[in-house]
C-alpha cells in the first residue's frame, strides 16, 4: 500500500516514479512499422464489405419506413 502524496513530501524516493534504465530512453515510444500481410488485407476487405452492407441495409430500411409512413 502506498502513502498519499501529502505523506510522501519529504521522502527522497517516490513509489510512483518509473525511470528508464541506461540506454532505454524513449525506446518504447517509437512505433515500428509492421509489414502488411495478405491476412491483414483480407481482414480489411472483409470489414469494408461488412460496413458497406450495413450502410446499404440502413438505407433500404429508411426508404421502406418512409414509404410506410406515407401510406
PDB file of N, CA and C in Angstrom:
ATOM      1  N   UNK A   1       0.847  -1.175   0.000  1.00  0.00           N
ATOM      2  CA  UNK A   1       0.000   0.000   0.000  1.00  0.00           C
ATOM      3  C   UNK A   1       0.894   1.241   0.000  1.00  0.00           C
ATOM      4  N   UNK A   2       0.602   2.202  -0.835  1.00  0.00           N
ATOM      5  CA  UNK A   2       1.414   3.417  -0.893  1.00  0.00           C
ATOM      6  C   UNK A   2       0.755   4.517  -0.097  1.00  0.00           C
ATOM      7  N   UNK A   3       1.585   5.410   0.383  1.00  0.00           N
ATOM      8  CA  UNK A   3       1.075   6.542   1.154  1.00  0.00           C
ATOM      9  C   UNK A   3       0.598   7.637   0.206  1.00  0.00           C
ATOM     10  N   UNK A   4      -0.356   8.463   0.629  1.00  0.00           N
ATOM     11  CA  UNK A   4      -0.780   9.594  -0.197  1.00  0.00           C
ATOM     12  C   UNK A   4       0.372  10.568  -0.420  1.00  0.00           C
ATOM     13  N   UNK A   5       0.253  11.405  -1.438  1.00  0.00           N
ATOM     14  CA  UNK A   5       1.316  12.353  -1.774  1.00  0.00           C
ATOM     15  C   UNK A   5       1.648  13.285  -0.607  1.00  0.00           C
ATOM     16  N   UNK A   6       0.656  13.672   0.172  1.00  0.00           N
ATOM     17  CA  UNK A   6       0.903  14.594   1.278  1.00  0.00           C
ATOM     18  C   UNK A   6       1.862  13.978   2.294  1.00  0.00           C
ATOM     19  N   UNK A   7       1.742  12.666   2.524  1.00  0.00           N
ATOM     20  CA  UNK A   7       2.627  11.994   3.469  1.00  0.00           C
ATOM     21  C   UNK A   7       4.020  11.770   2.897  1.00  0.00           C
ATOM     22  N   UNK A   8       4.176  11.830   1.594  1.00  0.00           N
ATOM     23  CA  UNK A   8       5.442  11.498   0.937  1.00  0.00           C
ATOM     24  C   UNK A   8       6.255  12.739   0.564  1.00  0.00           C
ATOM     25  N   UNK A   9       5.832  13.925   0.976  1.00  0.00           N
ATOM     26  CA  UNK A   9       6.509  15.157   0.550  1.00  0.00           C
ATOM     27  C   UNK A   9       7.998  15.158   0.861  1.00  0.00           C
ATOM     28  N   UNK A  10       8.349  14.735   2.056  1.00  0.00           N
ATOM     29  CA  UNK A  10       9.750  14.812   2.472  1.00  0.00           C
ATOM     30  C   UNK A  10      10.524  13.545   2.158  1.00  0.00           C
ATOM     31  N   UNK A  11       9.887  12.570   1.579  1.00  0.00           N
ATOM     32  CA  UNK A  11      10.562  11.306   1.283  1.00  0.00           C
ATOM     33  C   UNK A  11      11.400  11.440   0.012  1.00  0.00           C
ATOM     34  N   UNK A  12      12.659  10.986   0.049  1.00  0.00           N
ATOM     35  CA  UNK A  12      13.500  11.097  -1.150  1.00  0.00           C
ATOM     36  C   UNK A  12      13.081  10.146  -2.264  1.00  0.00           C
ATOM     37  N   UNK A  13      12.435   9.035  -1.938  1.00  0.00           N
ATOM     38  CA  UNK A  13      12.032   8.124  -3.006  1.00  0.00           C
ATOM     39  C   UNK A  13      10.514   8.141  -3.129  1.00  0.00           C
ATOM     40  N   UNK A  14      10.044   8.226  -4.331  1.00  0.00           N
ATOM     41  CA  UNK A  14       8.602   8.262  -4.601  1.00  0.00           C
ATOM     42  C   UNK A  14       8.201   6.919  -5.201  1.00  0.00           C
ATOM     43  N   UNK A  15       7.227   6.207  -4.675  1.00  0.00           N
ATOM     44  CA  UNK A  15       6.874   4.882  -5.188  1.00  0.00           C
ATOM     45  C   UNK A  15       6.306   4.917  -6.609  1.00  0.00           C
ATOM     46  N   UNK A  16       5.802   6.058  -7.046  1.00  0.00           N
ATOM     47  CA  UNK A  16       5.205   6.122  -8.380  1.00  0.00           C
ATOM     48  C   UNK A  16       6.198   6.528  -9.460  1.00  0.00           C
ATOM     49  N   UNK A  17       7.430   6.851  -9.070  1.00  0.00           N
ATOM     50  CA  UNK A  17       8.433   7.220 -10.067  1.00  0.00           C
ATOM     51  C   UNK A  17       8.867   5.979 -10.844  1.00  0.00           C
ATOM     52  N   UNK A  18       8.781   6.063 -12.148  1.00  0.00           N
ATOM     53  CA  UNK A  18       9.254   4.980 -13.005  1.00  0.00           C
ATOM     54  C   UNK A  18      10.286   5.590 -13.938  1.00  0.00           C
ATOM     55  N   UNK A  19      11.479   5.072 -13.896  1.00  0.00           N
ATOM     56  CA  UNK A  19      12.548   5.641 -14.706  1.00  0.00           C
ATOM     57  C   UNK A  19      13.124   4.588 -15.639  1.00  0.00           C
ATOM     58  N   UNK A  20      13.524   5.040 -16.797  1.00  0.00           N
ATOM     59  CA  UNK A  20      14.143   4.132 -17.768  1.00  0.00           C
ATOM     60  C   UNK A  20      15.569   3.827 -17.328  1.00  0.00           C
ATOM     61  N   UNK A  21      16.006   2.653 -17.639  1.00  0.00           N
ATOM     62  CA  UNK A  21      17.376   2.277 -17.334  1.00  0.00           C
ATOM     63  C   UNK A  21      18.319   2.878 -18.366  1.00  0.00           C
ATOM     64  N   UNK A  22      19.615   2.664 -18.218  1.00  0.00           N
ATOM     65  CA  UNK A  22      20.582   3.206 -19.169  1.00  0.00           C
ATOM     66  C   UNK A  22      20.324   2.666 -20.581  1.00  0.00           C
ATOM     67  N   UNK A  23      20.231   3.546 -21.530  1.00  0.00           N
ATOM     68  CA  UNK A  23      20.017   3.151 -22.913  1.00  0.00           C
ATOM     69  C   UNK A  23      18.566   2.898 -23.275  1.00  0.00           C
ATOM     70  N   UNK A  24      17.635   3.057 -22.336  1.00  0.00           N
ATOM     71  CA  UNK A  24      16.222   2.785 -22.592  1.00  0.00           C
ATOM     72  C   UNK A  24      15.421   4.029 -22.956  1.00  0.00           C
ATOM     73  N   UNK A  25      16.010   5.184 -22.871  1.00  0.00           N
ATOM     74  CA  UNK A  25      15.251   6.424 -23.007  1.00  0.00           C
ATOM     75  C   UNK A  25      14.493   6.484 -24.333  1.00  0.00           C
ATOM     76  N   UNK A  26      13.186   6.416 -24.255  1.00  0.00           N
ATOM     77  CA  UNK A  26      12.331   6.557 -25.429  1.00  0.00           C
ATOM     78  C   UNK A  26      12.263   5.341 -26.322  1.00  0.00           C
ATOM     79  N   UNK A  27      12.861   4.243 -25.938  1.00  0.00           N
ATOM     80  CA  UNK A  27      12.884   3.070 -26.822  1.00  0.00           C
ATOM     81  C   UNK A  27      11.483   2.533 -27.079  1.00  0.00           C
ATOM     82  N   UNK A  28      10.619   2.566 -26.091  1.00  0.00           N
ATOM     83  CA  UNK A  28       9.277   2.007 -26.268  1.00  0.00           C
ATOM     84  C   UNK A  28       8.308   3.029 -26.868  1.00  0.00           C
ATOM     85  N   UNK A  29       8.715   4.258 -27.026  1.00  0.00           N
ATOM     86  CA  UNK A  29       7.836   5.298 -27.542  1.00  0.00           C
ATOM     87  C   UNK A  29       7.836   5.377 -29.063  1.00  0.00           C
ATOM     88  N   UNK A  30       8.767   4.722 -29.707  1.00  0.00           N
ATOM     89  CA  UNK A  30       8.870   4.829 -31.166  1.00  0.00           C
ATOM     90  C   UNK A  30       8.083   3.705 -31.824  1.00  0.00           C
ATOM     91  N   UNK A  31       7.091   4.034 -32.647  1.00  0.00           N
ATOM     92  CA  UNK A  31       6.329   2.976 -33.320  1.00  0.00           C
ATOM     93  C   UNK A  31       7.179   2.282 -34.375  1.00  0.00           C
ATOM     94  N   UNK A  32       6.944   1.008 -34.531  1.00  0.00           N
ATOM     95  CA  UNK A  32       7.659   0.221 -35.522  1.00  0.00           C
ATOM     96  C   UNK A  32       6.658  -0.161 -36.600  1.00  0.00           C
ATOM     97  N   UNK A  33       6.997   0.113 -37.857  1.00  0.00           N
ATOM     98  CA  UNK A  33       6.094  -0.213 -38.956  1.00  0.00           C
ATOM     99  C   UNK A  33       6.067  -1.715 -39.160  1.00  0.00           C
ATOM    100  N   UNK A  34       4.869  -2.270 -39.167  1.00  0.00           N
ATOM    101  CA  UNK A  34       4.700  -3.700 -39.359  1.00  0.00           C
ATOM    102  C   UNK A  34       4.253  -3.922 -40.796  1.00  0.00           C
ATOM    103  N   UNK A  35       4.884  -4.844 -41.473  1.00  0.00           N
ATOM    104  CA  UNK A  35       4.531  -5.126 -42.862  1.00  0.00           C
ATOM    105  C   UNK A  35       3.122  -5.705 -42.936  1.00  0.00           C
ATOM    106  N   UNK A  36       2.382  -5.315 -43.983  1.00  0.00           N
ATOM    107  CA  UNK A  36       1.024  -5.810 -44.164  1.00  0.00           C
ATOM    108  C   UNK A  36       1.075  -7.209 -44.778  1.00  0.00           C
ATOM    109  N   UNK A  37       0.350  -8.112 -44.177  1.00  0.00           N
ATOM    110  CA  UNK A  37       0.303  -9.484 -44.680  1.00  0.00           C
ATOM    111  C   UNK A  37      -0.975  -9.671 -45.498  1.00  0.00           C
ATOM    112  N   UNK A  38      -1.038 -10.718 -46.323  1.00  0.00           N
ATOM    113  CA  UNK A  38      -2.276 -10.987 -47.058  1.00  0.00           C
ATOM    114  C   UNK A  38      -3.473 -11.181 -46.125  1.00  0.00           C
ATOM    115  N   UNK A  39      -3.241 -11.743 -44.945  1.00  0.00           N
ATOM    116  CA  UNK A  39      -4.340 -11.912 -43.976  1.00  0.00           C
ATOM    117  C   UNK A  39      -4.847 -10.553 -43.501  1.00  0.00           C
ATOM    118  N   UNK A  40      -3.937  -9.604 -43.279  1.00  0.00           N
ATOM    119  CA  UNK A  40      -4.349  -8.259 -42.885  1.00  0.00           C
ATOM    120  C   UNK A  40      -5.209  -7.625 -43.967  1.00  0.00           C
ATOM    121  N   UNK A  41      -4.805  -7.793 -45.214  1.00  0.00           N
ATOM    122  CA  UNK A  41      -5.562  -7.221 -46.333  1.00  0.00           C
ATOM    123  C   UNK A  41      -6.946  -7.863 -46.442  1.00  0.00           C
ATOM    124  N   UNK A  42      -7.029  -9.189 -46.263  1.00  0.00           N
ATOM    125  CA  UNK A  42      -8.324  -9.878 -46.302  1.00  0.00           C
ATOM    126  C   UNK A  42      -9.234  -9.392 -45.185  1.00  0.00           C
ATOM    127  N   UNK A  43      -8.667  -9.233 -43.989  1.00  0.00           N
ATOM    128  CA  UNK A  43      -9.460  -8.753 -42.860  1.00  0.00           C
ATOM    129  C   UNK A  43      -9.983  -7.341 -43.119  1.00  0.00           C
ATOM    130  N   UNK A  44      -9.145  -6.497 -43.705  1.00  0.00           N
ATOM    131  CA  UNK A  44      -9.578  -5.135 -44.025  1.00  0.00           C
ATOM    132  C   UNK A  44     -10.666  -5.121 -45.080  1.00  0.00           C
ATOM    133  N   UNK A  45     -10.513  -5.947 -46.099  1.00  0.00           N
ATOM    134  CA  UNK A  45     -11.546  -6.017 -47.145  1.00  0.00           C
ATOM    135  C   UNK A  45     -12.858  -6.546 -46.582  1.00  0.00           C
ATOM    136  N   UNK A  46     -12.775  -7.530 -45.710  1.00  0.00           N
ATOM    137  CA  UNK A  46     -13.978  -8.090 -45.105  1.00  0.00           C
ATOM    138  C   UNK A  46     -14.685  -7.035 -44.256  1.00  0.00           C
ATOM    139  N   UNK A  47     -13.951  -6.256 -43.513  1.00  0.00           N
ATOM    140  CA  UNK A  47     -14.536  -5.204 -42.684  1.00  0.00           C
ATOM    141  C   UNK A  47     -15.184  -4.127 -43.554  1.00  0.00           C
ATOM    142  N   UNK A  48     -14.540  -3.789 -44.663  1.00  0.00           N
ATOM    143  CA  UNK A  48     -15.104  -2.783 -45.564  1.00  0.00           C
ATOM    144  C   UNK A  48     -16.399  -3.276 -46.183  1.00  0.00           C
ATOM    145  N   UNK A  49     -16.425  -4.533 -46.623  1.00  0.00           N
ATOM    146  CA  UNK A  49     -17.652  -5.094 -47.199  1.00  0.00           C
ATOM    147  C   UNK A  49     -18.775  -5.132 -46.173  1.00  0.00           C
ATOM    148  N   UNK A  50     -18.458  -5.516 -44.945  1.00  0.00           N
ATOM    149  CA  UNK A  50     -19.463  -5.546 -43.885  1.00  0.00           C
ATOM    150  C   UNK A  50     -20.020  -4.152 -43.632  1.00  0.00           C
ATOM    151  N   UNK A  51     -19.154  -3.154 -43.566  1.00  0.00           N
ATOM    152  CA  UNK A  51     -19.593  -1.775 -43.348  1.00  0.00           C
ATOM    153  C   UNK A  51     -20.513  -1.317 -44.480  1.00  0.00           C
ATOM    154  N   UNK A  52     -20.113  -1.563 -45.728  1.00  0.00           N
ATOM    155  CA  UNK A  52     -20.937  -1.143 -46.859  1.00  0.00           C
ATOM    156  C   UNK A  52     -22.270  -1.881 -46.882  1.00  0.00           C
ATOM    157  N   UNK A  53     -22.265  -3.153 -46.514  1.00  0.00           N
ATOM    158  CA  UNK A  53     -23.501  -3.929 -46.446  1.00  0.00           C
ATOM    159  C   UNK A  53     -24.436  -3.345 -45.388  1.00  0.00           C
ATOM    160  N   UNK A  54     -23.899  -2.994 -44.223  1.00  0.00           N
ATOM    161  CA  UNK A  54     -24.717  -2.409 -43.168  1.00  0.00           C
ATOM    162  C   UNK A  54     -25.264  -1.046 -43.562  1.00  0.00           C
ATOM    163  N   UNK A  55     -24.477  -0.244 -44.250  1.00  0.00           N
ATOM    164  CA  UNK A  55     -24.963   1.056 -44.730  1.00  0.00           C
ATOM    165  C   UNK A  55     -26.089   0.846 -45.738  1.00  0.00           C
ATOM    166  N   UNK A  56     -25.928  -0.121 -46.653  1.00  0.00           N
ATOM    167  CA  UNK A  56     -26.972  -0.416 -47.635  1.00  0.00           C
ATOM    168  C   UNK A  56     -28.264  -0.865 -46.968  1.00  0.00           C
ATOM    169  N   UNK A  57     -28.154  -1.749 -45.980  1.00  0.00           N
ATOM    170  CA  UNK A  57     -29.347  -2.204 -45.260  1.00  0.00           C
ATOM    171  C   UNK A  57     -29.999  -1.028 -44.533  1.00  0.00           C
ATOM    172  N   UNK A  58     -29.198  -0.148 -43.992  1.00  0.00           N
ATOM    173  CA  UNK A  58     -29.750   1.042 -43.318  1.00  0.00           C
ATOM    174  C   UNK A  58     -30.518   1.931 -44.278  1.00  0.00           C
ATOM    175  N   UNK A  59     -29.959   2.161 -45.464  1.00  0.00           N
ATOM    176  CA  UNK A  59     -30.656   2.992 -46.451  1.00  0.00           C
ATOM    177  C   UNK A  59     -31.961   2.340 -46.893  1.00  0.00           C
ATOM    178  N   UNK A  60     -31.940   1.041 -47.112  1.00  0.00           N
ATOM    179  CA  UNK A  60     -33.163   0.339 -47.529  1.00  0.00           C
ATOM    180  C   UNK A  60     -34.215   0.425 -46.418  1.00  0.00           C
ATOM    181  N   UNK A  61     -33.785   0.259 -45.181  1.00  0.00           N
ATOM    182  CA  UNK A  61     -34.714   0.345 -44.051  1.00  0.00           C
ATOM    183  C   UNK A  61     -35.345   1.729 -43.964  1.00  0.00           C
ATOM    184  N   UNK A  62     -34.544   2.760 -44.090  1.00  0.00           N
ATOM    185  CA  UNK A  62     -35.072   4.126 -44.043  1.00  0.00           C
ATOM    186  C   UNK A  62     -36.029   4.358 -45.205  1.00  0.00           C
ATOM    187  N   UNK A  63     -35.694   3.894 -46.392  1.00  0.00           N
ATOM    188  CA  UNK A  63     -36.544   4.051 -47.563  1.00  0.00           C
ATOM    189  C   UNK A  63     -37.896   3.357 -47.353  1.00  0.00           C
ATOM    190  N   UNK A  64     -37.875   2.126 -46.865  1.00  0.00           N
ATOM    191  CA  UNK A  64     -39.131   1.382 -46.619  1.00  0.00           C
ATOM    192  C   UNK A  64     -39.953   2.059 -45.541  1.00  0.00           C
ATOM    193  N   UNK A  65     -39.313   2.501 -44.469  1.00  0.00           N
ATOM    194  CA  UNK A  65     -40.063   3.164 -43.411  1.00  0.00           C
ATOM    195  C   UNK A  65     -40.667   4.486 -43.867  1.00  0.00           C
ATOM    196  N   UNK A  66     -40.006   5.206 -44.769  1.00  0.00           N
ATOM    197  CA  UNK A  66     -40.577   6.436 -45.318  1.00  0.00           C
ATOM    198  C   UNK A  66     -41.798   6.142 -46.189  1.00  0.00           C
ATOM    199  N   UNK A  67     -41.732   5.080 -46.962  1.00  0.00           N
ATOM    200  CA  UNK A  67     -42.880   4.708 -47.797  1.00  0.00           C
ATOM    201  C   UNK A  67     -44.052   4.300 -46.918  1.00  0.00           C
ATOM    202  N   UNK A  68     -43.785   3.511 -45.871  1.00  0.00           N
ATOM    203  CA  UNK A  68     -44.846   3.078 -44.964  1.00  0.00           C
ATOM    204  C   UNK A  68     -45.457   4.278 -44.262  1.00  0.00           C
ATOM    205  N   UNK A  69     -44.655   5.291 -43.922  1.00  0.00           N
ATOM    206  CA  UNK A  69     -45.174   6.479 -43.248  1.00  0.00           C
ATOM    207  C   UNK A  69     -46.082   7.297 -44.159  1.00  0.00           C
ATOM    208  N   UNK A  70     -45.875   7.224 -45.465  1.00  0.00           N
ATOM    209  CA  UNK A  70     -46.694   7.997 -46.411  1.00  0.00           C
ATOM    210  C   UNK A  70     -48.045   7.334 -46.664  1.00  0.00           C
ATOM    211  N   UNK A  71     -48.145   6.060 -46.398  1.00  0.00           N
ATOM    212  CA  UNK A  71     -49.386   5.335 -46.692  1.00  0.00           C
ATOM    213  C   UNK A  71     -50.432   5.588 -45.631  1.00  0.00           C
TER     214      UNK A  71
END
